[in-house]
Amino acid sequence: MAEIFSYTACRQLSQLLLSIIFFHGSEYILAVAFHGRSNVTLKSLLISRNYLLAMFFSLVEYLLEVSLFPALKECWWISNFGLAMIVVGEIIRKMAIITAGQAFTHLIRIYHEDHHNLVTHGIYQFIRHPGYCGFFIWSVGTQIMLCNPVSTFVFAVVVWHFFAKRIPYEEFFLRQFFGREYEEYARTVISGVPFVR
């Protein structure tokens, strides 16, 4: 049980905690900056029941493995790679939010609004859904940083599946809003989520 208080566990768990606080806090701050405080709710923190369950499962896995197989958590090159993924995912997602400005929302718009323009510059010229790409990299990176093999696989599959369903749904409306312009954009720019066209 002493392994839970080891340098490795303290470092990895504190990195996870700081990553989560920064991710959700900055999401909320940017939402307020672009949409105004009156238009932002606690849902803008992006913390759902399923998200909390996933993080709880990953912590249970971590605590079991650090207690039973402490050497598994000592793979620093894997943990540091995961930390790098967290930083890269965070940068991609925040670039997406800042570039899109008011056009970036946490809910899929099903009605076209006057200020809703198709954003194709900045990071959007390389990735159609950089917000999703960044979150995918960030979430899987959290588990690689913890050296959690089961949660790494589960997070990758679950988050991928979520975006594989969400992207076509969102793009249905984007095609209605922007027509041929969006068709051309979607044909030439990758989605940013592996194996999702």
Protein backbone atom coordinates (compact mmCIF):
# COMPACT_ATOMS: atom_id res chain seq x y z
CA MET A 1 0.00 0.00 0.00
CA ALA A 2 3.01 2.29 0.46
CA GLU A 3 3.31 2.45 -3.35
CA ILE A 4 0.28 4.78 -3.40
CA PHE A 5 2.44 7.39 -1.64
CA SER A 6 5.54 6.77 -3.74
CA TYR A 7 7.20 9.47 -5.83
CA THR A 8 5.85 7.85 -9.01
CA ALA A 9 2.24 7.77 -7.82
CA CYS A 10 2.38 11.29 -6.43
CA ARG A 11 3.89 12.63 -9.65
CA GLN A 12 1.48 10.83 -12.00
CA LEU A 13 -1.65 11.53 -9.96
CA SER A 14 -0.75 15.20 -9.46
CA GLN A 15 -0.12 15.54 -13.22
CA LEU A 16 -3.53 14.02 -13.86
CA LEU A 17 -5.23 16.34 -11.37
CA LEU A 18 -3.52 19.43 -12.82
CA SER A 19 -4.36 18.32 -16.37
CA ILE A 20 -8.04 17.89 -15.49
CA ILE A 21 -8.24 21.21 -13.64
CA PHE A 22 -6.52 23.09 -16.46
CA PHE A 23 -8.60 21.42 -19.19
CA HIS A 24 -11.99 22.06 -17.61
CA GLY A 25 -11.14 25.44 -16.11
CA SER A 26 -9.84 26.78 -19.42
CA GLU A 27 -12.88 25.38 -21.27
CA TYR A 28 -15.14 27.33 -18.93
CA ILE A 29 -13.07 30.54 -19.10
CA LEU A 30 -12.98 30.46 -22.91
CA ALA A 31 -16.72 29.77 -23.08
CA VAL A 32 -17.37 32.82 -20.89
CA ALA A 33 -14.95 34.93 -22.97
CA PHE A 34 -16.63 34.09 -26.28
CA HIS A 35 -20.27 33.65 -25.28
CA GLY A 36 -20.66 35.84 -22.20
CA ARG A 37 -21.27 34.74 -18.63
CA SER A 38 -25.06 34.78 -19.02
CA ASN A 39 -24.87 32.23 -21.86
CA VAL A 40 -22.57 29.79 -20.07
CA THR A 41 -23.62 27.15 -17.56
CA LEU A 42 -21.75 24.59 -15.53
CA LYS A 43 -22.26 22.22 -18.49
CA SER A 44 -19.52 24.25 -20.14
CA LEU A 45 -17.10 22.50 -17.79
CA LEU A 46 -17.81 19.35 -19.85
CA ILE A 47 -18.15 17.11 -16.81
CA SER A 48 -20.80 14.44 -17.34
CA ARG A 49 -21.76 11.33 -15.38
CA ASN A 50 -20.08 9.10 -17.99
CA TYR A 51 -16.91 11.21 -17.84
CA LEU A 52 -16.80 10.93 -14.04
CA LEU A 53 -17.34 7.16 -14.24
CA ALA A 54 -14.51 6.82 -16.77
CA MET A 55 -12.12 8.84 -14.60
CA PHE A 56 -13.18 6.85 -11.52
CA PHE A 57 -12.52 3.57 -13.37
CA SER A 58 -9.10 4.82 -14.45
CA LEU A 59 -8.22 5.77 -10.85
CA VAL A 60 -9.33 2.35 -9.59
CA GLU A 61 -7.16 0.71 -12.26
CA TYR A 62 -4.23 2.94 -11.32
CA LEU A 63 -4.50 2.24 -7.59
CA LEU A 64 -4.82 -1.52 -8.14
CA GLU A 65 -1.87 -1.65 -10.51
CA VAL A 66 0.39 0.62 -8.45
CA SER A 67 -0.31 -1.61 -5.43
CA LEU A 68 0.00 -4.99 -7.19
CA PHE A 69 2.44 -4.22 -10.04
CA PRO A 70 4.35 -1.04 -9.09
CA ALA A 71 6.99 -1.63 -11.77
CA LEU A 72 4.27 -1.16 -14.42
CA LYS A 73 3.98 2.50 -13.40
CA GLU A 74 7.76 3.08 -13.59
CA CYS A 75 7.91 3.20 -17.40
CA TRP A 76 8.89 6.86 -17.52
CA TRP A 77 9.24 7.06 -21.28
CA ILE A 78 5.62 5.86 -21.63
CA SER A 79 4.39 8.20 -18.89
CA ASN A 80 6.25 11.17 -20.40
CA PHE A 81 4.87 10.33 -23.84
CA GLY A 82 1.37 10.43 -22.34
CA LEU A 83 2.14 13.78 -20.73
CA ALA A 84 3.29 15.10 -24.12
CA MET A 85 0.01 13.86 -25.63
CA ILE A 86 -1.92 15.77 -22.96
CA VAL A 87 -0.07 18.98 -23.82
CA VAL A 88 -0.47 18.48 -27.60
CA GLY A 89 -4.17 17.61 -27.25
CA GLU A 90 -4.72 20.65 -25.05
CA ILE A 91 -2.97 22.96 -27.54
CA ILE A 92 -4.95 21.60 -30.50
CA ARG A 93 -8.27 21.93 -28.68
CA LYS A 94 -7.60 25.43 -27.36
CA MET A 95 -6.40 26.56 -30.81
CA ALA A 96 -9.71 25.28 -32.18
CA ILE A 97 -11.73 27.22 -29.61
CA ILE A 98 -9.76 30.43 -30.01
CA THR A 99 -9.79 30.25 -33.83
CA ALA A 100 -13.53 29.55 -34.06
CA GLY A 101 -14.48 32.04 -31.36
CA GLN A 102 -18.27 32.33 -31.10
CA ALA A 103 -18.71 29.60 -33.71
CA PHE A 104 -17.31 27.06 -31.21
CA THR A 105 -19.93 25.69 -28.84
CA HIS A 106 -20.14 22.60 -26.67
CA LEU A 107 -23.55 21.74 -28.11
CA ILE A 108 -24.20 20.89 -31.74
CA ARG A 109 -26.17 23.64 -33.39
CA ILE A 110 -29.20 22.40 -35.26
CA TYR A 111 -30.33 25.87 -36.37
CA HIS A 112 -28.21 28.31 -38.32
CA GLU A 113 -27.58 31.59 -36.53
CA ASP A 114 -26.48 34.86 -38.13
CA HIS A 115 -23.05 34.89 -36.47
CA HIS A 116 -22.41 31.22 -37.33
CA ASN A 117 -19.81 31.18 -40.10
CA LEU A 118 -17.87 28.27 -41.56
CA VAL A 119 -14.39 28.46 -40.08
CA THR A 120 -11.72 27.17 -42.47
CA HIS A 121 -8.65 29.17 -41.43
CA GLY A 122 -6.05 28.62 -38.72
CA ILE A 123 -5.98 25.07 -37.42
CA TYR A 124 -9.25 24.39 -39.29
CA GLN A 125 -7.38 24.47 -42.60
CA PHE A 126 -5.62 21.26 -41.52
CA ILE A 127 -8.25 19.53 -39.34
CA ARG A 128 -12.05 19.79 -39.72
CA HIS A 129 -12.75 18.96 -36.07
CA PRO A 130 -9.67 20.06 -34.11
CA GLY A 131 -11.68 20.31 -30.89
CA TYR A 132 -12.57 16.63 -31.13
CA CYS A 133 -9.05 15.72 -32.26
CA GLY A 134 -7.55 17.56 -29.32
CA PHE A 135 -9.91 15.96 -26.81
CA PHE A 136 -9.25 12.50 -28.24
CA ILE A 137 -5.47 12.97 -27.89
CA TRP A 138 -5.84 14.56 -24.45
CA SER A 139 -8.11 11.87 -23.00
CA VAL A 140 -6.04 8.93 -24.26
CA GLY A 141 -2.89 10.77 -23.16
CA THR A 142 -4.17 10.96 -19.58
CA GLN A 143 -4.27 7.16 -19.44
CA ILE A 144 -0.92 6.65 -21.16
CA MET A 145 0.61 9.11 -18.70
CA LEU A 146 -0.77 6.96 -15.85
CA CYS A 147 0.56 3.80 -17.57
CA ASN A 148 -2.99 2.38 -17.41
CA PRO A 149 -3.14 -0.26 -20.17
CA VAL A 150 -6.82 -1.18 -19.72
CA SER A 151 -8.06 2.41 -19.45
CA THR A 152 -5.89 3.48 -22.40
CA PHE A 153 -7.65 0.94 -24.59
CA VAL A 154 -11.10 1.66 -23.14
CA PHE A 155 -10.72 5.45 -23.41
CA ALA A 156 -9.49 5.17 -27.00
CA VAL A 157 -12.41 2.94 -28.03
CA VAL A 158 -15.14 4.82 -26.14
CA VAL A 159 -14.01 8.32 -27.14
CA TRP A 160 -13.46 7.23 -30.74
CA HIS A 161 -16.93 5.66 -30.85
CA PHE A 162 -18.49 8.83 -29.42
CA PHE A 163 -16.87 11.02 -32.09
CA ALA A 164 -17.53 8.48 -34.87
CA LYS A 165 -21.24 9.02 -34.15
CA ARG A 166 -21.10 12.74 -33.32
CA ILE A 167 -19.13 13.90 -36.36
CA PRO A 168 -21.60 12.61 -39.00
CA TYR A 169 -24.50 14.01 -36.95
CA GLU A 170 -22.86 17.44 -36.68
CA GLU A 171 -21.81 17.43 -40.32
CA PHE A 172 -25.39 16.73 -41.39
CA PHE A 173 -26.30 20.18 -40.06
CA LEU A 174 -23.12 21.81 -41.34
CA ARG A 175 -23.97 20.58 -44.83
CA GLN A 176 -27.45 22.09 -44.47
CA PHE A 177 -26.05 25.41 -43.22
CA PHE A 178 -23.17 25.81 -45.67
CA GLY A 179 -24.05 23.49 -48.58
CA ARG A 180 -21.47 23.12 -51.31
CA GLU A 181 -18.89 25.15 -49.41
CA TYR A 182 -18.90 22.58 -46.60
CA GLU A 183 -18.92 19.65 -49.05
CA GLU A 184 -15.72 20.93 -50.65
CA TYR A 185 -14.13 21.63 -47.28
CA ALA A 186 -14.99 18.14 -45.97
CA ARG A 187 -13.62 16.54 -49.13
CA THR A 188 -10.21 18.19 -48.79
CA VAL A 189 -9.61 18.37 -45.00
CA ILE A 190 -9.34 15.38 -42.64
CA SER A 191 -11.71 15.04 -39.68
CA GLY A 192 -8.90 14.78 -37.13
CA VAL A 193 -10.27 11.62 -35.52
CA PRO A 194 -8.63 8.40 -36.82
CA PHE A 195 -10.74 6.40 -39.29
CA VAL A 196 -13.57 8.93 -39.28
CA ARG A 197 -14.06 10.49 -42.68
